[in-house]
N, C-alpha and C. Protein backbone atom coordinates (compact mmCIF):
# COMPACT_ATOMS: atom_id res chain seq x y z
N MET A 1 138.13 182.25 -3.52
CA MET A 1 139.30 182.67 -2.76
C MET A 1 140.34 181.55 -2.75
N ILE A 2 141.53 181.90 -3.16
CA ILE A 2 142.63 180.93 -3.14
C ILE A 2 143.24 180.93 -1.74
N ARG A 3 143.33 179.73 -1.18
CA ARG A 3 143.93 179.60 0.15
C ARG A 3 145.31 178.99 0.00
N THR A 4 146.24 179.54 0.74
CA THR A 4 147.59 179.02 0.75
C THR A 4 147.94 178.57 2.16
N ILE A 5 149.00 177.84 2.28
CA ILE A 5 149.46 177.45 3.61
C ILE A 5 149.71 178.71 4.44
N ARG A 6 150.36 179.69 3.83
CA ARG A 6 150.67 180.93 4.55
C ARG A 6 149.40 181.65 5.00
N SER A 7 148.38 181.69 4.14
CA SER A 7 147.14 182.39 4.53
C SER A 7 146.42 181.64 5.64
N LEU A 8 146.49 180.31 5.63
CA LEU A 8 145.90 179.54 6.71
C LEU A 8 146.66 179.76 8.02
N GLN A 9 147.99 179.83 7.93
CA GLN A 9 148.78 180.10 9.13
C GLN A 9 148.45 181.49 9.68
N GLN A 10 148.26 182.45 8.78
CA GLN A 10 147.91 183.80 9.23
C GLN A 10 146.54 183.81 9.89
N ALA A 11 145.58 183.08 9.34
CA ALA A 11 144.25 183.00 9.94
C ALA A 11 144.33 182.40 11.34
N LEU A 12 145.16 181.37 11.52
CA LEU A 12 145.33 180.77 12.83
C LEU A 12 146.04 181.71 13.80
N ALA A 13 147.05 182.43 13.30
CA ALA A 13 147.76 183.40 14.14
C ALA A 13 146.81 184.51 14.58
N ASP A 14 145.98 184.98 13.67
CA ASP A 14 145.00 186.01 14.00
C ASP A 14 144.00 185.50 15.04
N PHE A 15 143.55 184.27 14.85
CA PHE A 15 142.61 183.65 15.80
C PHE A 15 143.22 183.61 17.19
N ALA A 16 144.49 183.18 17.26
CA ALA A 16 145.18 183.11 18.56
C ALA A 16 145.38 184.51 19.15
N ALA A 17 145.75 185.46 18.31
CA ALA A 17 146.00 186.83 18.79
C ALA A 17 144.74 187.46 19.36
N GLU A 18 143.62 187.25 18.69
CA GLU A 18 142.35 187.81 19.16
C GLU A 18 141.99 187.31 20.55
N ARG A 19 142.49 186.16 20.92
CA ARG A 19 142.19 185.55 22.22
C ARG A 19 143.36 185.66 23.20
N GLU A 20 144.43 186.34 22.74
CA GLU A 20 145.67 186.46 23.53
C GLU A 20 146.23 185.10 23.93
N TRP A 21 146.23 184.18 22.96
CA TRP A 21 146.72 182.82 23.20
C TRP A 21 148.17 182.63 22.76
N GLU A 22 148.78 183.65 22.16
CA GLU A 22 150.16 183.47 21.69
C GLU A 22 151.07 183.02 22.83
N GLN A 23 150.78 183.50 24.05
CA GLN A 23 151.59 183.15 25.21
C GLN A 23 151.59 181.64 25.48
N PHE A 24 150.55 180.96 25.03
CA PHE A 24 150.45 179.51 25.24
C PHE A 24 150.97 178.71 24.04
N HIS A 25 151.17 179.39 22.93
CA HIS A 25 151.55 178.71 21.69
C HIS A 25 153.06 178.60 21.56
N THR A 26 153.66 177.97 22.55
CA THR A 26 155.08 177.65 22.48
C THR A 26 155.24 176.37 21.67
N ALA A 27 156.45 176.14 21.18
CA ALA A 27 156.70 174.93 20.40
C ALA A 27 156.33 173.68 21.22
N LYS A 28 156.70 173.66 22.49
CA LYS A 28 156.39 172.51 23.33
C LYS A 28 154.89 172.29 23.45
N ASN A 29 154.16 173.35 23.76
CA ASN A 29 152.71 173.22 23.93
C ASN A 29 152.03 172.82 22.63
N LEU A 30 152.46 173.40 21.54
CA LEU A 30 151.85 173.06 20.25
C LEU A 30 152.18 171.61 19.84
N ALA A 31 153.40 171.17 20.12
CA ALA A 31 153.76 169.78 19.82
C ALA A 31 152.91 168.82 20.65
N MET A 32 152.70 169.16 21.90
CA MET A 32 151.87 168.31 22.76
C MET A 32 150.42 168.31 22.29
N ALA A 33 149.91 169.48 21.91
CA ALA A 33 148.54 169.56 21.40
C ALA A 33 148.40 168.77 20.11
N LEU A 34 149.40 168.83 19.25
CA LEU A 34 149.39 168.07 18.00
C LEU A 34 149.33 166.57 18.30
N GLY A 35 150.13 166.13 19.27
CA GLY A 35 150.09 164.73 19.66
C GLY A 35 148.74 164.32 20.21
N GLY A 36 148.15 165.19 21.01
CA GLY A 36 146.83 164.89 21.58
C GLY A 36 145.76 164.77 20.50
N GLU A 37 145.77 165.69 19.55
CA GLU A 37 144.78 165.65 18.47
C GLU A 37 145.00 164.44 17.57
N THR A 38 146.26 164.08 17.35
CA THR A 38 146.55 162.88 16.57
C THR A 38 146.00 161.66 17.28
N GLY A 39 146.12 161.63 18.59
CA GLY A 39 145.56 160.54 19.38
C GLY A 39 144.05 160.46 19.25
N GLU A 40 143.39 161.62 19.21
CA GLU A 40 141.93 161.62 19.05
C GLU A 40 141.54 161.08 17.68
N LEU A 41 142.32 161.38 16.65
CA LEU A 41 142.07 160.81 15.32
C LEU A 41 142.29 159.30 15.34
N LEU A 42 143.36 158.87 15.98
CA LEU A 42 143.64 157.43 16.08
C LEU A 42 142.52 156.69 16.81
N GLU A 43 141.96 157.33 17.81
CA GLU A 43 140.90 156.70 18.60
C GLU A 43 139.70 156.31 17.73
N ILE A 44 139.40 157.13 16.74
CA ILE A 44 138.28 156.83 15.85
C ILE A 44 138.52 155.52 15.10
N PHE A 45 139.76 155.26 14.74
CA PHE A 45 140.11 154.09 13.93
C PHE A 45 140.54 152.88 14.77
N GLN A 46 140.73 153.08 16.06
CA GLN A 46 141.38 152.08 16.91
C GLN A 46 140.83 150.67 16.76
N TRP A 47 139.55 150.47 16.79
CA TRP A 47 139.00 149.12 16.77
C TRP A 47 138.30 148.77 15.46
N LEU A 48 138.52 149.59 14.43
CA LEU A 48 137.92 149.28 13.14
C LEU A 48 138.75 148.23 12.40
N THR A 49 138.07 147.40 11.65
CA THR A 49 138.79 146.48 10.77
C THR A 49 139.35 147.29 9.61
N PRO A 50 140.28 146.74 8.84
CA PRO A 50 140.76 147.46 7.66
C PRO A 50 139.62 147.83 6.71
N GLU A 51 138.65 146.94 6.57
CA GLU A 51 137.51 147.22 5.70
C GLU A 51 136.66 148.37 6.24
N GLU A 52 136.41 148.36 7.54
CA GLU A 52 135.63 149.44 8.15
C GLU A 52 136.36 150.79 8.04
N SER A 53 137.67 150.75 8.22
CA SER A 53 138.43 152.00 8.13
C SER A 53 138.42 152.57 6.71
N ALA A 54 138.36 151.70 5.73
CA ALA A 54 138.32 152.15 4.33
C ALA A 54 137.01 152.84 3.98
N THR A 55 135.95 152.54 4.74
CA THR A 55 134.64 153.11 4.44
C THR A 55 134.14 154.03 5.57
N VAL A 56 135.04 154.48 6.42
CA VAL A 56 134.66 155.27 7.58
C VAL A 56 133.90 156.54 7.19
N MET A 57 134.18 157.10 6.04
CA MET A 57 133.53 158.35 5.64
C MET A 57 132.10 158.14 5.16
N SER A 58 131.68 156.90 5.01
CA SER A 58 130.29 156.64 4.62
C SER A 58 129.35 156.69 5.83
N ASP A 59 129.89 156.69 7.02
CA ASP A 59 129.10 156.85 8.25
C ASP A 59 129.08 158.34 8.56
N PRO A 60 127.92 158.99 8.46
CA PRO A 60 127.87 160.46 8.63
C PRO A 60 128.47 160.96 9.95
N LEU A 61 128.21 160.29 11.06
CA LEU A 61 128.74 160.73 12.34
C LEU A 61 130.26 160.58 12.38
N LYS A 62 130.75 159.41 11.96
CA LYS A 62 132.20 159.20 11.96
C LYS A 62 132.89 160.14 10.97
N ALA A 63 132.22 160.42 9.85
CA ALA A 63 132.80 161.33 8.86
C ALA A 63 133.03 162.71 9.47
N ILE A 64 132.07 163.19 10.23
CA ILE A 64 132.21 164.48 10.90
C ILE A 64 133.38 164.44 11.89
N GLN A 65 133.44 163.36 12.66
CA GLN A 65 134.52 163.23 13.65
C GLN A 65 135.89 163.20 12.96
N VAL A 66 136.01 162.43 11.89
CA VAL A 66 137.28 162.33 11.18
C VAL A 66 137.69 163.69 10.62
N ARG A 67 136.75 164.37 9.96
CA ARG A 67 137.05 165.70 9.39
C ARG A 67 137.50 166.68 10.47
N GLU A 68 136.82 166.68 11.60
CA GLU A 68 137.17 167.62 12.67
C GLU A 68 138.54 167.30 13.27
N GLU A 69 138.82 166.03 13.48
CA GLU A 69 140.12 165.67 14.06
C GLU A 69 141.26 165.93 13.08
N ILE A 70 141.04 165.65 11.80
CA ILE A 70 142.07 165.95 10.80
C ILE A 70 142.29 167.45 10.72
N ALA A 71 141.22 168.23 10.81
CA ALA A 71 141.36 169.69 10.81
C ALA A 71 142.16 170.15 12.03
N ASP A 72 141.89 169.55 13.20
CA ASP A 72 142.65 169.91 14.40
C ASP A 72 144.13 169.58 14.24
N VAL A 73 144.43 168.41 13.70
CA VAL A 73 145.82 168.01 13.48
C VAL A 73 146.49 169.00 12.52
N PHE A 74 145.80 169.32 11.43
CA PHE A 74 146.34 170.24 10.44
C PHE A 74 146.56 171.62 11.04
N ALA A 75 145.62 172.08 11.84
CA ALA A 75 145.74 173.40 12.46
C ALA A 75 146.96 173.47 13.38
N TYR A 76 147.14 172.47 14.21
CA TYR A 76 148.30 172.49 15.11
C TYR A 76 149.61 172.33 14.33
N LEU A 77 149.61 171.54 13.27
CA LEU A 77 150.80 171.41 12.45
C LEU A 77 151.16 172.74 11.80
N LEU A 78 150.15 173.41 11.24
CA LEU A 78 150.39 174.73 10.64
C LEU A 78 150.90 175.72 11.68
N ARG A 79 150.29 175.69 12.86
CA ARG A 79 150.65 176.65 13.90
C ARG A 79 152.07 176.44 14.41
N ILE A 80 152.46 175.19 14.67
CA ILE A 80 153.81 174.95 15.17
C ILE A 80 154.85 175.29 14.11
N ALA A 81 154.56 175.01 12.86
CA ALA A 81 155.49 175.37 11.79
C ALA A 81 155.65 176.88 11.72
N ASP A 82 154.55 177.61 11.87
CA ASP A 82 154.59 179.07 11.84
C ASP A 82 155.41 179.60 13.01
N VAL A 83 155.15 179.11 14.21
CA VAL A 83 155.85 179.57 15.40
C VAL A 83 157.36 179.29 15.29
N LEU A 84 157.72 178.16 14.67
CA LEU A 84 159.13 177.80 14.53
C LEU A 84 159.78 178.36 13.27
N GLY A 85 158.99 179.03 12.43
CA GLY A 85 159.54 179.61 11.21
C GLY A 85 159.89 178.59 10.15
N ILE A 86 159.16 177.48 10.12
CA ILE A 86 159.42 176.42 9.14
C ILE A 86 158.52 176.62 7.93
N ASP A 87 159.13 176.65 6.76
CA ASP A 87 158.38 176.70 5.50
C ASP A 87 157.94 175.27 5.21
N LEU A 88 156.68 174.97 5.46
CA LEU A 88 156.18 173.60 5.32
C LEU A 88 156.33 173.06 3.91
N GLU A 89 156.05 173.89 2.92
CA GLU A 89 156.16 173.42 1.54
C GLU A 89 157.60 173.02 1.23
N GLN A 90 158.56 173.87 1.60
CA GLN A 90 159.97 173.57 1.35
C GLN A 90 160.42 172.34 2.14
N ALA A 91 159.99 172.26 3.41
CA ALA A 91 160.37 171.12 4.23
C ALA A 91 159.85 169.82 3.63
N LEU A 92 158.62 169.84 3.12
CA LEU A 92 158.06 168.63 2.52
C LEU A 92 158.79 168.25 1.23
N LEU A 93 159.09 169.23 0.40
CA LEU A 93 159.83 168.94 -0.84
C LEU A 93 161.20 168.34 -0.53
N GLU A 94 161.86 168.89 0.48
CA GLU A 94 163.16 168.35 0.88
C GLU A 94 163.02 166.92 1.41
N LYS A 95 161.96 166.67 2.18
CA LYS A 95 161.75 165.32 2.73
C LYS A 95 161.43 164.32 1.63
N ILE A 96 160.69 164.74 0.62
CA ILE A 96 160.42 163.85 -0.51
C ILE A 96 161.72 163.46 -1.20
N GLU A 97 162.64 164.41 -1.34
CA GLU A 97 163.95 164.11 -1.94
C GLU A 97 164.72 163.11 -1.10
N ILE A 98 164.75 163.35 0.21
CA ILE A 98 165.46 162.45 1.13
C ILE A 98 164.85 161.05 1.04
N ASN A 99 163.52 160.96 1.08
CA ASN A 99 162.86 159.66 1.01
C ASN A 99 163.08 158.99 -0.33
N GLY A 100 163.22 159.78 -1.39
CA GLY A 100 163.53 159.21 -2.69
C GLY A 100 164.87 158.50 -2.70
N ARG A 101 165.83 159.06 -1.96
CA ARG A 101 167.14 158.41 -1.86
C ARG A 101 167.09 157.20 -0.93
N LYS A 102 166.29 157.29 0.13
CA LYS A 102 166.18 156.19 1.09
C LYS A 102 165.36 155.03 0.53
N TYR A 103 164.40 155.36 -0.32
CA TYR A 103 163.48 154.35 -0.86
C TYR A 103 163.47 154.42 -2.38
N PRO A 104 164.57 153.98 -3.02
CA PRO A 104 164.60 154.01 -4.48
C PRO A 104 163.46 153.14 -5.04
N ALA A 105 162.80 153.66 -6.06
CA ALA A 105 161.62 152.97 -6.61
C ALA A 105 161.93 151.54 -7.02
N ASP A 106 163.10 151.31 -7.59
CA ASP A 106 163.41 149.95 -8.07
C ASP A 106 163.56 148.95 -6.93
N ARG A 107 163.85 149.42 -5.70
CA ARG A 107 163.97 148.50 -4.56
C ARG A 107 162.76 148.54 -3.64
N ALA A 108 162.04 149.64 -3.62
CA ALA A 108 160.94 149.81 -2.67
C ALA A 108 159.56 149.50 -3.26
N ARG A 109 159.47 149.42 -4.57
CA ARG A 109 158.17 149.23 -5.23
C ARG A 109 157.43 148.02 -4.66
N GLY A 110 156.23 148.27 -4.16
CA GLY A 110 155.37 147.19 -3.66
C GLY A 110 155.78 146.63 -2.31
N ARG A 111 156.72 147.28 -1.65
CA ARG A 111 157.22 146.77 -0.37
C ARG A 111 156.97 147.80 0.73
N ALA A 112 156.70 147.32 1.93
CA ALA A 112 156.49 148.20 3.07
C ALA A 112 157.67 148.14 4.05
N ASP A 113 158.79 147.63 3.58
CA ASP A 113 159.97 147.50 4.43
C ASP A 113 160.60 148.84 4.73
N LYS A 114 161.25 148.93 5.89
CA LYS A 114 162.04 150.12 6.21
C LYS A 114 163.24 150.16 5.27
N TYR A 115 163.74 151.35 5.00
CA TYR A 115 164.82 151.51 4.03
C TYR A 115 166.04 150.66 4.36
N THR A 116 166.29 150.37 5.63
CA THR A 116 167.44 149.56 6.01
C THR A 116 167.27 148.10 5.58
N GLN A 117 166.06 147.71 5.22
CA GLN A 117 165.80 146.33 4.80
C GLN A 117 165.73 146.18 3.28
N LEU A 118 165.95 147.25 2.56
CA LEU A 118 165.82 147.19 1.10
C LEU A 118 167.08 146.73 0.40
N GLY A 119 168.16 146.63 1.11
CA GLY A 119 169.41 146.21 0.51
C GLY A 119 170.17 147.39 -0.07
N GLY A 120 171.43 147.49 0.30
CA GLY A 120 172.28 148.55 -0.23
C GLY A 120 172.20 149.85 0.55
N LEU A 121 171.30 149.93 1.51
CA LEU A 121 171.19 151.15 2.32
C LEU A 121 171.36 150.77 3.77
N ASN A 122 172.50 151.10 4.34
CA ASN A 122 172.77 150.70 5.72
C ASN A 122 172.65 151.85 6.71
N ARG A 123 172.44 153.05 6.19
CA ARG A 123 172.31 154.20 7.08
C ARG A 123 171.30 155.17 6.49
N GLN A 124 170.89 156.09 7.34
CA GLN A 124 169.96 157.11 6.87
C GLN A 124 170.68 157.99 5.86
N CYS A 125 170.03 158.28 4.78
CA CYS A 125 170.61 159.13 3.74
C CYS A 125 170.53 160.58 4.18
N ALA A 126 171.66 161.27 4.10
CA ALA A 126 171.69 162.68 4.47
C ALA A 126 171.11 163.51 3.33
N PRO A 127 170.63 164.71 3.67
CA PRO A 127 170.07 165.58 2.62
C PRO A 127 171.13 166.02 1.64
């Protein structure tokens, strides 16, 4: 079975409808839930060293926790995009274009600087 972003959003919408949860799935509530789930994912990594975080999936218990929290984050992201009518694929493609202008490869390669520190870019690039 081929899964698409749209089919996953429909599965989540159906799940919510079966439980009559649409009334709670406002943009505000979903954004807050997304933030909460992101915090739970961050909590797993909070006190790990960089080396430990790189191998977190080799610990079976932590691997389960990471997978579940990432799934929760993804579910809320899909749901809020659906509720707001945002085409996630198109939004991401547009953001990649914007970031390409903000972070030209010849100036950003190998650097973690914000675009304002790369030289020649003094403002956020408009779409």
